[in-house]
Amino acid sequence: MKILLPPSETKREGGDGSPLDLESLELPSLSAHRTAVIDALIELASDEETARRVLKLSERQSGDIAHNRMLRSAPTMPAIDRYTGVLFDALDPRSLSSASRRWLGEHVLIHSAPFGPVGALDQVPMYRLAAGTSVPGLPALRRHWATATSAAVAEAAPAFILDLRSEAYAALGPVPDSVASAYVRVVTEQGRALNHFNKKSKGLLVRAIAEERPRVTSARGFRAWADRRGLVFRDGEDDGVWELVVEE
């Protein structure tokens, strides 16, 4: 099983890892696409005024432009530790055991805008780029990433994918039809979609899986594990969509 997570706009600065090594990232067939985005972001960062406009930053956020300028030389840290925000705070990966963190490294991909999906323990630098940003010199990120990412996932051929991404990031790399998957939405018992609790519930879900590390190789196997944990999943109205039912 693989779990796909969205990134977070908020990130932890710093790191003590070596500079970005594209060849070490998961799904290495995406290296050329990663290089194109990195080069475009570095070029954009050379013009601070344009970069602020494109990235929708205030003057107080100019430090994010410097992060983009240093993408190839900045220190790195594991992707699962780089991101903060509601989902990652609930997951709280730094408090997990070594075994659970190794499980995250083997089973979790975080879908970033500049690097595509990366392994949870892949070393990444600080950056600023959202899924909906139009970067000068690149096609729309959806067009840049979607086909290549779907092909890379198909090549990896995981037995089952639990897709916890937001719709914006799912559009950057739809799970190919050749791979069994379920896209998860978090809803109330009445079917109302949630925002804050959506992110928190997904973080808690991944933490629970990482702590228990079940052997799951199919959608049926995952639902059986969830039932034993008392988690309520039901089929959504759209094919391939599951609803995780939570209380507000």
Protein backbone atom coordinates (compact mmCIF):
# COMPACT_ATOMS: atom_id res chain seq x y z
CA MET A 1 0.00 0.00 0.00
CA LYS A 2 1.01 3.55 -0.71
CA ILE A 3 -0.55 6.64 0.89
CA LEU A 4 -0.58 9.93 -1.01
CA LEU A 5 -0.58 13.08 1.11
CA PRO A 6 -0.85 16.74 0.12
CA PRO A 7 1.91 19.11 1.22
CA SER A 8 1.34 22.14 3.41
CA GLU A 9 1.92 25.79 2.63
CA THR A 10 3.54 26.15 6.07
CA LYS A 11 6.92 24.53 6.53
CA ARG A 12 9.68 24.11 9.08
CA GLU A 13 12.79 26.08 8.13
CA GLY A 14 16.37 24.85 8.26
CA GLY A 15 17.62 21.30 8.12
CA ASP A 16 20.91 19.48 8.47
CA GLY A 17 20.78 17.31 5.36
CA SER A 18 22.93 17.66 2.26
CA PRO A 19 21.64 19.81 -0.62
CA LEU A 20 18.89 18.44 -2.81
CA ASP A 21 19.80 15.30 -4.75
CA LEU A 22 17.12 14.69 -7.37
CA GLU A 23 18.35 11.19 -8.15
CA SER A 24 17.75 10.11 -4.55
CA LEU A 25 14.05 11.04 -4.58
CA GLU A 26 11.35 8.44 -5.00
CA LEU A 27 9.92 8.08 -8.53
CA PRO A 28 13.26 9.01 -10.17
CA SER A 29 11.70 9.02 -13.65
CA LEU A 30 10.35 12.47 -12.71
CA SER A 31 13.85 13.98 -12.50
CA ALA A 32 13.56 15.98 -15.74
CA HIS A 33 10.21 17.45 -14.67
CA ARG A 34 11.62 18.29 -11.25
CA THR A 35 14.64 19.97 -12.82
CA ALA A 36 12.40 22.11 -15.04
CA VAL A 37 10.39 23.46 -12.08
CA ILE A 38 13.47 24.05 -9.92
CA ASP A 39 15.23 25.94 -12.73
CA ALA A 40 12.12 28.06 -13.34
CA LEU A 41 11.77 28.91 -9.64
CA ILE A 42 15.43 29.89 -9.34
CA GLU A 43 15.11 32.09 -12.42
CA LEU A 44 11.91 33.65 -11.05
CA ALA A 45 13.67 34.40 -7.74
CA SER A 46 16.19 36.59 -9.56
CA ASP A 47 13.45 39.24 -9.96
CA GLU A 48 12.03 39.83 -6.49
CA GLU A 49 9.14 42.05 -7.58
CA THR A 50 7.93 39.57 -10.18
CA ALA A 51 8.43 36.67 -7.79
CA ARG A 52 6.28 38.35 -5.14
CA ARG A 53 3.52 38.91 -7.68
CA VAL A 54 3.63 35.38 -9.11
CA LEU A 55 3.84 33.68 -5.73
CA LYS A 56 1.33 36.11 -4.17
CA LEU A 57 3.69 37.18 -1.38
CA SER A 58 3.82 40.30 0.74
CA GLU A 59 7.06 42.19 1.30
CA ARG A 60 7.29 40.53 4.72
CA GLN A 61 7.36 37.14 2.95
CA SER A 62 10.35 37.98 0.76
CA GLY A 63 12.36 35.35 2.60
CA ASP A 64 10.40 32.72 0.69
CA ILE A 65 11.88 34.08 -2.53
CA ALA A 66 15.36 33.59 -1.08
CA HIS A 67 14.44 29.98 -0.27
CA ASN A 68 13.54 29.41 -3.92
CA ARG A 69 16.75 31.05 -5.03
CA MET A 70 18.72 28.53 -2.93
CA LEU A 71 16.83 25.37 -3.92
CA ARG A 72 19.98 23.63 -5.13
CA SER A 73 22.25 24.62 -2.24
CA ALA A 74 20.03 24.89 0.85
CA PRO A 75 20.10 22.28 3.63
CA THR A 76 17.39 19.62 3.55
CA MET A 77 15.33 17.56 5.97
CA PRO A 78 12.92 14.62 5.54
CA ALA A 79 9.78 15.74 3.73
CA ILE A 80 7.55 14.40 6.52
CA ASP A 81 9.32 16.75 8.96
CA ARG A 82 9.50 19.72 6.59
CA TYR A 83 5.75 20.29 6.47
CA THR A 84 3.72 21.73 9.33
CA GLY A 85 0.05 22.71 9.55
CA VAL A 86 -3.06 20.86 10.69
CA LEU A 87 -2.51 17.52 8.94
CA PHE A 88 1.17 17.21 9.83
CA ASP A 89 0.66 18.47 13.37
CA ALA A 90 -1.92 15.70 13.88
CA LEU A 91 0.41 13.14 12.33
CA ASP A 92 3.27 14.44 14.54
CA PRO A 93 5.92 12.35 12.77
CA ARG A 94 8.81 13.40 15.01
CA SER A 95 7.19 11.67 17.98
CA LEU A 96 6.77 8.33 16.18
CA SER A 97 9.02 5.36 16.84
CA SER A 98 11.89 4.54 14.49
CA ALA A 99 9.91 1.59 13.14
CA SER A 100 6.91 3.79 12.42
CA ARG A 101 9.06 6.39 10.68
CA ARG A 102 10.63 3.66 8.55
CA TRP A 103 7.10 2.56 7.64
CA LEU A 104 6.28 6.12 6.58
CA GLY A 105 9.39 6.14 4.41
CA GLU A 106 8.32 2.94 2.68
CA HIS A 107 4.62 3.68 2.28
CA VAL A 108 3.94 7.44 2.22
CA LEU A 109 4.38 9.90 -0.64
CA ILE A 110 3.91 13.65 -0.20
CA HIS A 111 2.88 15.38 -3.41
CA SER A 112 4.74 18.69 -3.65
CA ALA A 113 4.37 21.26 -6.43
CA PRO A 114 8.10 21.63 -7.28
CA PHE A 115 9.21 18.00 -6.82
CA GLY A 116 6.08 15.97 -7.54
CA PRO A 117 5.44 13.05 -5.15
CA VAL A 118 8.41 12.41 -2.86
CA GLY A 119 8.95 9.77 -0.20
CA ALA A 120 8.19 10.74 3.37
CA LEU A 121 11.87 10.43 4.30
CA ASP A 122 13.23 11.95 1.09
CA GLN A 123 15.38 14.98 1.89
CA VAL A 124 13.90 18.24 0.55
CA PRO A 125 14.77 21.93 0.98
CA MET A 126 12.56 24.81 2.05
CA TYR A 127 10.57 26.27 -0.87
CA ARG A 128 7.51 28.29 -1.80
CA LEU A 129 5.18 27.05 -4.56
CA ALA A 130 1.52 26.07 -4.53
CA ALA A 131 -0.33 23.79 -6.93
CA GLY A 132 -2.27 26.61 -8.56
CA THR A 133 0.67 28.93 -9.25
CA SER A 134 1.55 29.81 -12.86
CA VAL A 135 5.34 29.89 -13.07
CA PRO A 136 6.89 31.88 -15.95
CA GLY A 137 8.67 29.60 -18.40
CA LEU A 138 6.57 26.56 -17.51
CA PRO A 139 3.23 25.26 -18.72
CA ALA A 140 0.48 25.19 -16.09
CA LEU A 141 1.63 22.90 -13.29
CA ARG A 142 -1.29 20.56 -13.93
CA ARG A 143 -0.19 20.13 -17.53
CA HIS A 144 3.48 19.90 -16.55
CA TRP A 145 2.99 17.18 -13.95
CA ALA A 146 -0.16 15.15 -14.57
CA THR A 147 0.80 12.76 -17.36
CA ALA A 148 4.39 12.23 -16.17
CA THR A 149 3.33 11.63 -12.57
CA SER A 150 0.58 9.18 -13.50
CA ALA A 151 3.09 7.28 -15.65
CA ALA A 152 5.64 7.18 -12.82
CA VAL A 153 3.03 5.81 -10.40
CA ALA A 154 1.94 3.22 -12.97
CA GLU A 155 5.57 2.16 -13.39
CA ALA A 156 5.98 1.78 -9.62
CA ALA A 157 2.80 -0.35 -9.63
CA PRO A 158 1.82 -0.30 -5.94
CA ALA A 159 -0.83 -2.86 -5.01
CA PHE A 160 -3.18 -0.21 -3.58
CA ILE A 161 -3.14 3.58 -3.11
CA LEU A 162 -5.00 5.46 -0.40
CA ASP A 163 -5.25 8.96 -1.82
CA LEU A 164 -5.54 11.61 0.90
CA ARG A 165 -4.56 14.56 -1.31
CA SER A 166 -6.59 17.69 -1.84
CA GLU A 167 -8.25 17.97 -5.24
CA ALA A 168 -5.68 20.55 -6.38
CA TYR A 169 -2.79 18.16 -5.79
CA ALA A 170 -4.65 15.10 -7.05
CA ALA A 171 -5.00 16.98 -10.35
CA LEU A 172 -1.19 17.22 -10.58
CA GLY A 173 -0.97 13.43 -10.82
CA PRO A 174 -4.16 11.38 -11.12
CA VAL A 175 -3.77 7.79 -9.96
CA PRO A 176 -3.70 5.69 -13.14
CA ASP A 177 -6.53 3.26 -13.84
CA SER A 178 -4.04 0.38 -13.71
CA VAL A 179 -3.55 0.92 -9.94
CA ALA A 180 -6.28 0.09 -7.41
CA SER A 181 -7.00 3.19 -5.32
CA ALA A 182 -9.48 5.03 -3.15
CA TYR A 183 -9.78 8.82 -2.86
CA VAL A 184 -10.79 9.84 0.66
CA ARG A 185 -13.06 12.70 1.66
CA VAL A 186 -13.81 13.48 5.31
CA VAL A 187 -17.49 14.10 6.09
CA THR A 188 -19.94 14.28 8.95
CA GLU A 189 -22.58 11.61 9.49
CA GLN A 190 -24.93 13.86 7.52
CA GLY A 191 -22.48 13.94 4.63
CA ARG A 192 -21.25 17.51 5.10
CA ALA A 193 -17.65 17.99 3.93
CA LEU A 194 -15.17 19.37 6.47
CA ASN A 195 -12.05 21.51 6.17
CA HIS A 196 -10.06 21.77 9.41
CA PHE A 197 -11.31 18.37 10.60
CA ASN A 198 -10.59 16.97 7.15
CA LYS A 199 -6.89 17.70 7.53
CA LYS A 200 -6.71 16.69 11.19
CA SER A 201 -8.55 13.42 10.57
CA LYS A 202 -6.23 12.50 7.71
CA GLY A 203 -3.18 13.18 9.88
CA LEU A 204 -4.54 11.07 12.72
CA LEU A 205 -5.43 8.30 10.26
CA VAL A 206 -1.90 8.11 8.87
CA ARG A 207 -0.44 8.17 12.39
CA ALA A 208 -2.68 5.25 13.40
CA ILE A 209 -1.62 3.24 10.34
CA ALA A 210 2.08 4.00 10.92
CA GLU A 211 1.85 2.97 14.57
CA GLU A 212 0.15 -0.34 13.79
CA ARG A 213 1.82 -0.98 10.41
CA PRO A 214 -0.78 -3.43 9.08
CA ARG A 215 -0.03 -5.61 6.06
CA VAL A 216 -2.47 -4.12 3.56
CA THR A 217 -2.35 -4.98 -0.13
CA SER A 218 -5.89 -4.20 -1.26
CA ALA A 219 -8.87 -1.91 -0.72
CA ARG A 220 -10.71 -4.77 0.99
CA GLY A 221 -7.77 -5.35 3.31
CA PHE A 222 -7.64 -1.70 4.28
CA ARG A 223 -11.37 -1.52 4.97
CA ALA A 224 -11.08 -4.64 7.15
CA TRP A 225 -8.27 -3.00 9.14
CA ALA A 226 -10.31 0.22 9.48
CA ASP A 227 -13.33 -1.73 10.71
CA ARG A 228 -11.23 -3.36 13.42
CA ARG A 229 -10.03 0.08 14.48
CA GLY A 230 -13.60 1.39 14.66
CA LEU A 231 -13.05 3.79 11.75
CA VAL A 232 -16.12 4.41 9.62
CA PHE A 233 -15.58 4.45 5.87
CA ARG A 234 -18.42 4.35 3.40
CA ASP A 235 -18.56 4.45 -0.37
CA GLY A 236 -19.10 7.92 -1.77
CA GLU A 237 -21.41 8.84 -4.60
CA ASP A 238 -18.52 8.83 -7.09
CA ASP A 239 -16.81 5.60 -8.04
CA GLY A 240 -13.48 5.17 -6.26
CA VAL A 241 -14.30 7.75 -3.57
CA TRP A 242 -14.56 6.81 0.09
CA GLU A 243 -16.02 8.95 2.83
CA LEU A 244 -14.34 8.89 6.24
CA VAL A 245 -17.12 9.74 8.69
CA VAL A 246 -16.10 11.78 11.73
CA GLU A 247 -17.75 13.86 14.41
CA GLU A 248 -17.23 17.63 14.29
